[in-house]
Amino acid sequence: MYISNPGGPDRSLKPEDFAKGFVRPRQYRNRRIGDFFKELEITEGKSTGIPTIKRAMEHNGSPEARFEFDDSYSWFMVTLPIHPVFLDVTEDDRKDDRKDDRKEIVSLSRRQEEILSLIEINDRITTDTIKAHFNVSMPTINRDIAFLKRNGVLLRIGGKKSGSWLIAKKVK
């Protein structure tokens, strides 16, 4: 995914700042727009976006994000490379092969299979709802979900409140 800003970054920033992941502009171009985006929870305050992007990409196993801009600071672009699990795989492929892949990847418990079934119905289901469905403790659900994530069966896209689940093929 490419995200571009034709206005470019603040001139106080240097390319090596982005490489280090520590980006702190000295001034803001339009504080009112920034405050508006913060209220909508589209952006974060205090220049935490770049480190958050770097951590999220590393956490989910994606290649590093690339930050580019020209010498005159007239444009800025962020490239978020695709996660390897999605390369050469269409959504139809994942839907058709999902159950067969689970059996090839790992042996799942009945509860883990049912968790995946609940997620297929509602990819925004919360762990609290899953816990209530099975009437088990939260640590039990967290262990099952951690097992599914660790074995490449399940991915979390986005944050706890606004994110969703994705049942994925195992990367071989």
Protein backbone atom coordinates (compact mmCIF):
# COMPACT_ATOMS: atom_id res chain seq x y z
CA MET A 1 0.00 0.00 0.00
CA TYR A 2 1.25 3.45 -0.84
CA ILE A 3 0.34 6.51 1.19
CA SER A 4 1.43 9.81 -0.27
CA ASN A 5 1.43 13.39 0.92
CA PRO A 6 2.03 15.85 -1.91
CA GLY A 7 2.95 18.55 0.63
CA GLY A 8 6.00 16.66 1.85
CA PRO A 9 7.33 16.29 5.39
CA ASP A 10 8.45 19.08 7.70
CA ARG A 11 11.80 20.47 6.55
CA SER A 12 13.36 19.81 9.95
CA LEU A 13 13.17 16.04 9.28
CA LYS A 14 15.99 14.11 7.66
CA PRO A 15 15.90 10.72 5.87
CA GLU A 16 18.11 9.19 8.57
CA ASP A 17 15.45 10.09 11.18
CA PHE A 18 13.01 7.79 9.37
CA ALA A 19 15.58 5.01 9.16
CA LYS A 20 16.08 5.20 12.94
CA GLY A 21 12.34 5.34 13.53
CA PHE A 22 12.67 8.47 15.67
CA VAL A 23 10.80 11.26 13.91
CA ARG A 24 10.02 14.47 15.79
CA PRO A 25 9.11 17.46 13.63
CA ARG A 26 9.86 20.83 15.19
CA GLN A 27 6.78 22.52 13.85
CA TYR A 28 3.38 21.51 12.51
CA ARG A 29 2.03 22.82 9.24
CA ASN A 30 -1.62 22.86 10.23
CA ARG A 31 -2.37 22.25 13.89
CA ARG A 32 -6.15 22.46 13.43
CA ILE A 33 -6.20 19.63 10.87
CA GLY A 34 -3.90 17.58 13.11
CA ASP A 35 -6.20 18.11 16.10
CA PHE A 36 -9.23 17.16 13.97
CA PHE A 37 -7.55 13.92 12.82
CA LYS A 38 -6.61 13.11 16.45
CA GLU A 39 -10.24 13.57 17.54
CA LEU A 40 -11.34 11.14 14.80
CA GLU A 41 -8.60 8.71 15.92
CA ILE A 42 -7.17 8.71 12.39
CA THR A 43 -3.78 9.86 13.60
CA GLU A 44 -1.83 9.89 16.82
CA GLY A 45 -0.42 12.84 18.71
CA LYS A 46 3.13 13.56 19.76
CA SER A 47 4.77 12.12 16.62
CA THR A 48 4.23 8.48 17.58
CA GLY A 49 2.99 7.37 14.15
CA ILE A 50 6.30 6.33 12.57
CA PRO A 51 7.44 4.20 15.55
CA THR A 52 3.93 2.69 15.73
CA ILE A 53 4.05 1.76 12.04
CA LYS A 54 7.53 0.22 12.44
CA ARG A 55 6.45 -1.82 15.50
CA ALA A 56 3.21 -3.01 13.89
CA MET A 57 4.95 -4.12 10.70
CA GLU A 58 7.61 -5.98 12.71
CA HIS A 59 5.03 -7.51 15.06
CA ASN A 60 2.92 -9.03 12.26
CA GLY A 61 5.93 -10.25 10.26
CA SER A 62 5.60 -7.79 7.37
CA PRO A 63 8.61 -6.31 5.62
CA GLU A 64 9.72 -2.88 6.87
CA ALA A 65 7.81 0.22 5.78
CA ARG A 66 9.72 2.55 3.45
CA PHE A 67 9.60 6.31 3.91
CA GLU A 68 10.65 8.45 0.97
CA PHE A 69 10.68 12.13 0.05
CA ASP A 70 12.55 14.30 -2.40
CA ASP A 71 15.38 16.74 -1.66
CA SER A 72 13.06 19.74 -2.02
CA TYR A 73 10.53 18.26 0.46
CA SER A 74 7.72 18.65 -2.08
CA TRP A 75 6.30 15.14 -1.60
CA PHE A 76 6.36 12.33 0.95
CA MET A 77 5.43 8.67 0.44
CA VAL A 78 5.14 5.68 2.75
CA THR A 79 5.20 2.19 1.25
CA LEU A 80 3.71 -0.61 3.36
CA PRO A 81 4.78 -3.87 1.68
CA ILE A 82 2.37 -6.78 1.54
CA HIS A 83 2.75 -9.50 4.15
CA PRO A 84 4.32 -12.63 2.56
CA VAL A 85 1.28 -14.74 3.49
CA PHE A 86 -0.82 -12.77 0.98
CA LEU A 87 1.52 -13.00 -1.99
CA ASP A 88 -0.01 -14.83 -4.97
CA VAL A 89 -3.11 -15.74 -2.95
CA THR A 90 -6.55 -14.34 -3.69
CA GLU A 91 -9.41 -14.14 -1.20
CA ASP A 92 -11.23 -16.88 -3.14
CA ASP A 93 -8.16 -19.13 -2.77
CA ARG A 94 -8.13 -18.56 0.99
CA LYS A 95 -11.86 -19.31 1.30
CA ASP A 96 -11.65 -22.47 -0.80
CA ASP A 97 -8.53 -23.86 0.85
CA ARG A 98 -9.08 -22.70 4.43
CA LYS A 99 -10.33 -25.94 6.01
CA ASP A 100 -7.85 -28.17 4.13
CA ASP A 101 -4.95 -25.93 5.12
CA ARG A 102 -5.88 -26.09 8.81
CA LYS A 103 -5.56 -29.85 8.76
CA GLU A 104 -2.21 -29.68 6.94
CA ILE A 105 -0.76 -27.01 9.19
CA VAL A 106 -1.47 -28.18 12.72
CA SER A 107 -3.87 -30.31 14.66
CA LEU A 108 -6.50 -28.01 16.17
CA SER A 109 -8.69 -28.66 19.17
CA ARG A 110 -12.46 -28.59 18.78
CA ARG A 111 -12.58 -25.23 20.58
CA GLN A 112 -9.91 -23.76 18.27
CA GLU A 113 -11.91 -24.94 15.24
CA GLU A 114 -15.03 -23.35 16.71
CA ILE A 115 -13.16 -20.10 17.41
CA LEU A 116 -12.21 -19.99 13.72
CA SER A 117 -15.84 -20.67 12.78
CA LEU A 118 -16.97 -17.74 14.95
CA ILE A 119 -14.36 -15.53 13.30
CA GLU A 120 -15.52 -16.62 9.82
CA ILE A 121 -19.01 -15.41 10.77
CA ASN A 122 -17.81 -12.15 12.37
CA ASP A 123 -14.21 -11.06 11.77
CA ARG A 124 -14.61 -8.24 14.33
CA ILE A 125 -15.65 -10.54 17.18
CA THR A 126 -14.07 -9.69 20.52
CA THR A 127 -12.21 -12.08 22.78
CA ASP A 128 -14.80 -11.29 25.47
CA THR A 129 -17.57 -12.53 23.16
CA ILE A 130 -15.56 -15.66 22.33
CA LYS A 131 -14.95 -16.25 26.06
CA ALA A 132 -18.67 -15.91 26.81
CA HIS A 133 -19.57 -18.29 23.96
CA PHE A 134 -17.41 -21.08 25.42
CA ASN A 135 -17.90 -20.15 29.09
CA VAL A 136 -14.18 -20.49 29.79
CA SER A 137 -11.59 -18.15 31.29
CA MET A 138 -9.90 -15.36 29.35
CA PRO A 139 -6.44 -16.98 29.72
CA THR A 140 -7.85 -20.11 28.02
CA ILE A 141 -9.12 -18.09 25.04
CA ASN A 142 -5.86 -16.11 24.90
CA ARG A 143 -3.86 -19.38 24.80
CA ASP A 144 -6.02 -20.73 21.96
CA ILE A 145 -5.71 -17.50 19.97
CA ALA A 146 -1.95 -17.32 20.62
CA PHE A 147 -1.62 -20.91 19.36
CA LEU A 148 -3.57 -20.07 16.18
CA LYS A 149 -1.49 -16.94 15.59
CA ARG A 150 1.81 -18.69 16.31
CA ASN A 151 0.96 -21.40 13.77
CA GLY A 152 0.02 -18.92 11.05
CA VAL A 153 -3.67 -19.80 11.05
CA LEU A 154 -4.93 -16.50 12.45
CA LEU A 155 -3.81 -12.88 12.07
CA ARG A 156 -4.98 -9.74 13.83
CA ILE A 157 -5.29 -6.74 11.53
CA GLY A 158 -5.43 -3.40 13.34
CA GLY A 159 -5.86 -2.65 17.02
CA LYS A 160 -7.89 -4.28 19.75
CA LYS A 161 -10.85 -1.92 19.45
CA SER A 162 -11.07 -1.23 15.73
CA GLY A 163 -9.24 -4.21 14.24
CA SER A 164 -10.43 -7.46 12.73
CA TRP A 165 -9.35 -11.10 12.49
CA LEU A 166 -8.11 -12.78 9.35
CA ILE A 167 -7.87 -16.53 8.87
CA ALA A 168 -4.81 -17.06 6.71
CA LYS A 169 -2.88 -19.82 4.99
CA LYS A 170 0.24 -21.09 6.67
CA VAL A 171 3.46 -19.77 5.14
CA LYS A 172 5.67 -22.72 4.31
